[in-house]
């Protein structure tokens, strides 16, 4: 069962890359490896930015979160100007609940998606840091960060 869900996610990403939203070229599909914070050491995550009409869908695959954290429905996504090493004080976009879709793929892995009111082209026009944070009930701790580098 777990293999079929991973396969379905891969097929979905492939279809989205082959059929981008109007006005968004297929090469705007971007996958970013996220780095775990000290609070979540040893875990892995990645996010794929998928072009949609006038917005971007962020598709996350996450290997784990700190013990006791409510997932995936209570994880917040924040996008800051700058980088993980040096980001702005205030996020440009904050996407929390309600979530679009979240599903456990196994005991320690799950995927989720969020919609951001910015296009992939806008997000890659300058450096940004995508932060995955636990919800307020879990301490609002940054658990992953990934850098979106400005397009050359």
Protein backbone atom coordinates (compact mmCIF):
# COMPACT_ATOMS: atom_id res chain seq x y z
CA UNK A 1 0.00 0.00 0.00
CA UNK A 2 2.80 2.44 0.88
CA UNK A 3 4.50 1.91 -2.49
CA UNK A 4 1.29 2.64 -4.39
CA UNK A 5 0.85 5.98 -2.61
CA UNK A 6 4.42 7.04 -3.43
CA UNK A 7 3.84 5.99 -7.03
CA UNK A 8 0.61 8.01 -7.16
CA UNK A 9 2.46 11.08 -5.86
CA UNK A 10 5.21 10.64 -8.46
CA UNK A 11 2.66 10.27 -11.27
CA UNK A 12 0.78 13.35 -10.05
CA UNK A 13 3.95 15.45 -10.02
CA UNK A 14 4.85 14.18 -13.49
CA UNK A 15 1.43 15.09 -14.86
CA UNK A 16 1.60 18.55 -13.34
CA UNK A 17 5.02 19.11 -14.86
CA UNK A 18 3.77 17.99 -18.26
CA UNK A 19 0.62 20.13 -18.06
CA UNK A 20 1.52 23.42 -16.38
CA UNK A 21 -1.03 26.12 -15.77
CA UNK A 22 -1.61 28.58 -18.59
CA UNK A 23 1.20 31.10 -18.75
CA UNK A 24 3.54 28.99 -16.61
CA UNK A 25 6.26 27.08 -18.48
CA UNK A 26 6.89 23.47 -17.47
CA UNK A 27 10.44 24.31 -16.39
CA UNK A 28 8.99 26.30 -13.48
CA UNK A 29 8.48 23.03 -11.57
CA UNK A 30 11.04 23.23 -8.79
CA UNK A 31 11.93 20.68 -6.09
CA UNK A 32 13.85 21.85 -3.03
CA UNK A 33 15.51 19.70 -0.39
CA UNK A 34 14.65 21.08 3.04
CA UNK A 35 17.05 20.99 5.98
CA UNK A 36 15.98 19.87 9.44
CA UNK A 37 16.38 22.27 12.34
CA UNK A 38 18.12 21.15 15.55
CA UNK A 39 14.62 20.49 16.95
CA UNK A 40 14.07 17.91 14.21
CA UNK A 41 17.57 16.53 13.62
CA UNK A 42 17.85 13.43 11.46
CA UNK A 43 14.57 14.00 9.61
CA UNK A 44 14.14 14.78 5.91
CA UNK A 45 11.72 16.79 3.82
CA UNK A 46 11.39 18.19 0.36
CA UNK A 47 8.98 20.57 -1.27
CA UNK A 48 8.02 20.83 -4.92
CA UNK A 49 6.68 24.13 -6.23
CA UNK A 50 4.03 23.38 -8.83
CA UNK A 51 2.72 26.14 -11.12
CA UNK A 52 -1.01 26.81 -10.92
CA UNK A 53 -2.96 29.61 -12.54
CA UNK A 54 -1.97 32.74 -10.62
CA UNK A 55 -0.60 30.82 -7.64
CA UNK A 56 1.75 28.02 -6.62
CA UNK A 57 1.00 24.69 -5.03
CA UNK A 58 3.62 23.51 -2.55
CA UNK A 59 3.77 19.71 -2.33
CA UNK A 60 5.69 18.48 0.72
CA UNK A 61 7.04 15.01 1.46
CA UNK A 62 8.14 14.82 5.10
CA UNK A 63 9.96 11.97 6.85
CA UNK A 64 9.18 13.01 10.39
CA UNK A 65 8.49 15.67 12.94
CA UNK A 66 9.34 16.07 16.64
CA UNK A 67 7.64 13.58 18.95
CA UNK A 68 4.15 14.70 19.90
CA UNK A 69 3.67 17.18 17.06
CA UNK A 70 0.24 17.20 15.40
CA UNK A 71 0.74 16.41 11.72
CA UNK A 72 0.12 17.10 8.95
CA UNK A 73 -2.95 19.20 9.65
CA UNK A 74 -1.26 21.49 12.16
CA UNK A 75 1.95 22.40 10.37
CA UNK A 76 2.31 25.97 9.16
CA UNK A 77 4.19 27.03 6.03
CA UNK A 78 5.93 30.40 6.02
CA UNK A 79 7.78 31.92 3.09
CA UNK A 80 10.30 34.60 4.00
CA UNK A 81 12.31 36.93 1.78
CA UNK A 82 15.99 35.98 2.04
CA UNK A 83 17.50 32.61 2.85
CA UNK A 84 17.39 30.05 5.62
CA UNK A 85 20.67 31.49 6.93
CA UNK A 86 19.47 35.10 6.78
CA UNK A 87 15.77 35.66 6.38
CA UNK A 88 13.55 38.68 6.89
CA UNK A 89 11.79 39.17 10.22
CA UNK A 90 8.33 38.95 8.68
CA UNK A 91 7.15 36.29 6.22
CA UNK A 92 5.92 37.36 2.80
CA UNK A 93 3.39 34.50 2.94
CA UNK A 94 2.03 32.49 5.85
CA UNK A 95 -0.10 29.48 5.00
CA UNK A 96 -1.59 27.57 7.90
CA UNK A 97 -4.87 25.80 8.47
CA UNK A 98 -7.09 24.77 6.88
CA UNK A 99 -4.79 22.49 4.97
CA UNK A 100 -5.48 21.42 1.42
CA UNK A 101 -4.48 17.80 1.74
CA UNK A 102 -2.41 15.78 4.13
CA UNK A 103 -1.98 12.06 4.35
CA UNK A 104 0.29 9.71 6.17
CA UNK A 105 2.22 7.49 3.81
CA UNK A 106 3.60 5.38 6.63
CA UNK A 107 4.19 5.58 10.33
CA UNK A 108 6.95 8.18 9.94
CA UNK A 109 6.21 9.74 6.56
CA UNK A 110 3.44 11.89 5.14
CA UNK A 111 2.74 14.33 2.37
CA UNK A 112 0.77 17.54 2.35
CA UNK A 113 0.05 20.43 0.04
CA UNK A 114 -0.51 24.13 0.55
CA UNK A 115 -1.53 26.84 -1.91
CA UNK A 116 0.41 30.13 -1.94
CA UNK A 117 -1.06 33.28 -3.55
CA UNK A 118 2.11 33.83 -5.61
CA UNK A 119 3.31 32.19 -8.80
CA UNK A 120 6.41 30.03 -9.00
CA UNK A 121 7.93 32.77 -11.18
CA UNK A 122 7.31 35.33 -8.42
CA UNK A 123 8.82 33.04 -5.78
CA UNK A 124 11.95 32.52 -7.89
CA UNK A 125 12.34 36.19 -8.85
CA UNK A 126 14.33 36.70 -5.62
CA UNK A 127 15.68 34.51 -2.81
CA UNK A 128 13.11 33.08 -0.39
CA UNK A 129 13.19 30.65 2.53
CA UNK A 130 10.33 28.15 2.91
CA UNK A 131 9.86 27.22 6.57
CA UNK A 132 7.80 24.35 7.91
CA UNK A 133 6.75 25.12 11.50
CA UNK A 134 4.77 23.22 14.11
CA UNK A 135 1.48 24.79 15.14
CA UNK A 136 1.07 27.00 18.21
CA UNK A 137 -0.20 24.05 20.27
CA UNK A 138 3.15 22.31 19.56
CA UNK A 139 5.32 25.32 20.42
CA UNK A 140 5.49 26.99 16.96
CA UNK A 141 8.95 25.54 16.34
CA UNK A 142 10.69 25.74 12.95
CA UNK A 143 11.40 22.12 11.96
CA UNK A 144 12.51 22.46 8.31
CA UNK A 145 13.80 25.19 6.02
CA UNK A 146 14.51 25.18 2.31
CA UNK A 147 16.07 27.88 0.15
CA UNK A 148 14.43 29.06 -3.06
CA UNK A 149 17.23 30.60 -5.06
CA UNK A 150 16.50 33.47 -7.44
CA UNK A 151 16.45 32.38 -11.07
CA UNK A 152 19.63 33.32 -12.89
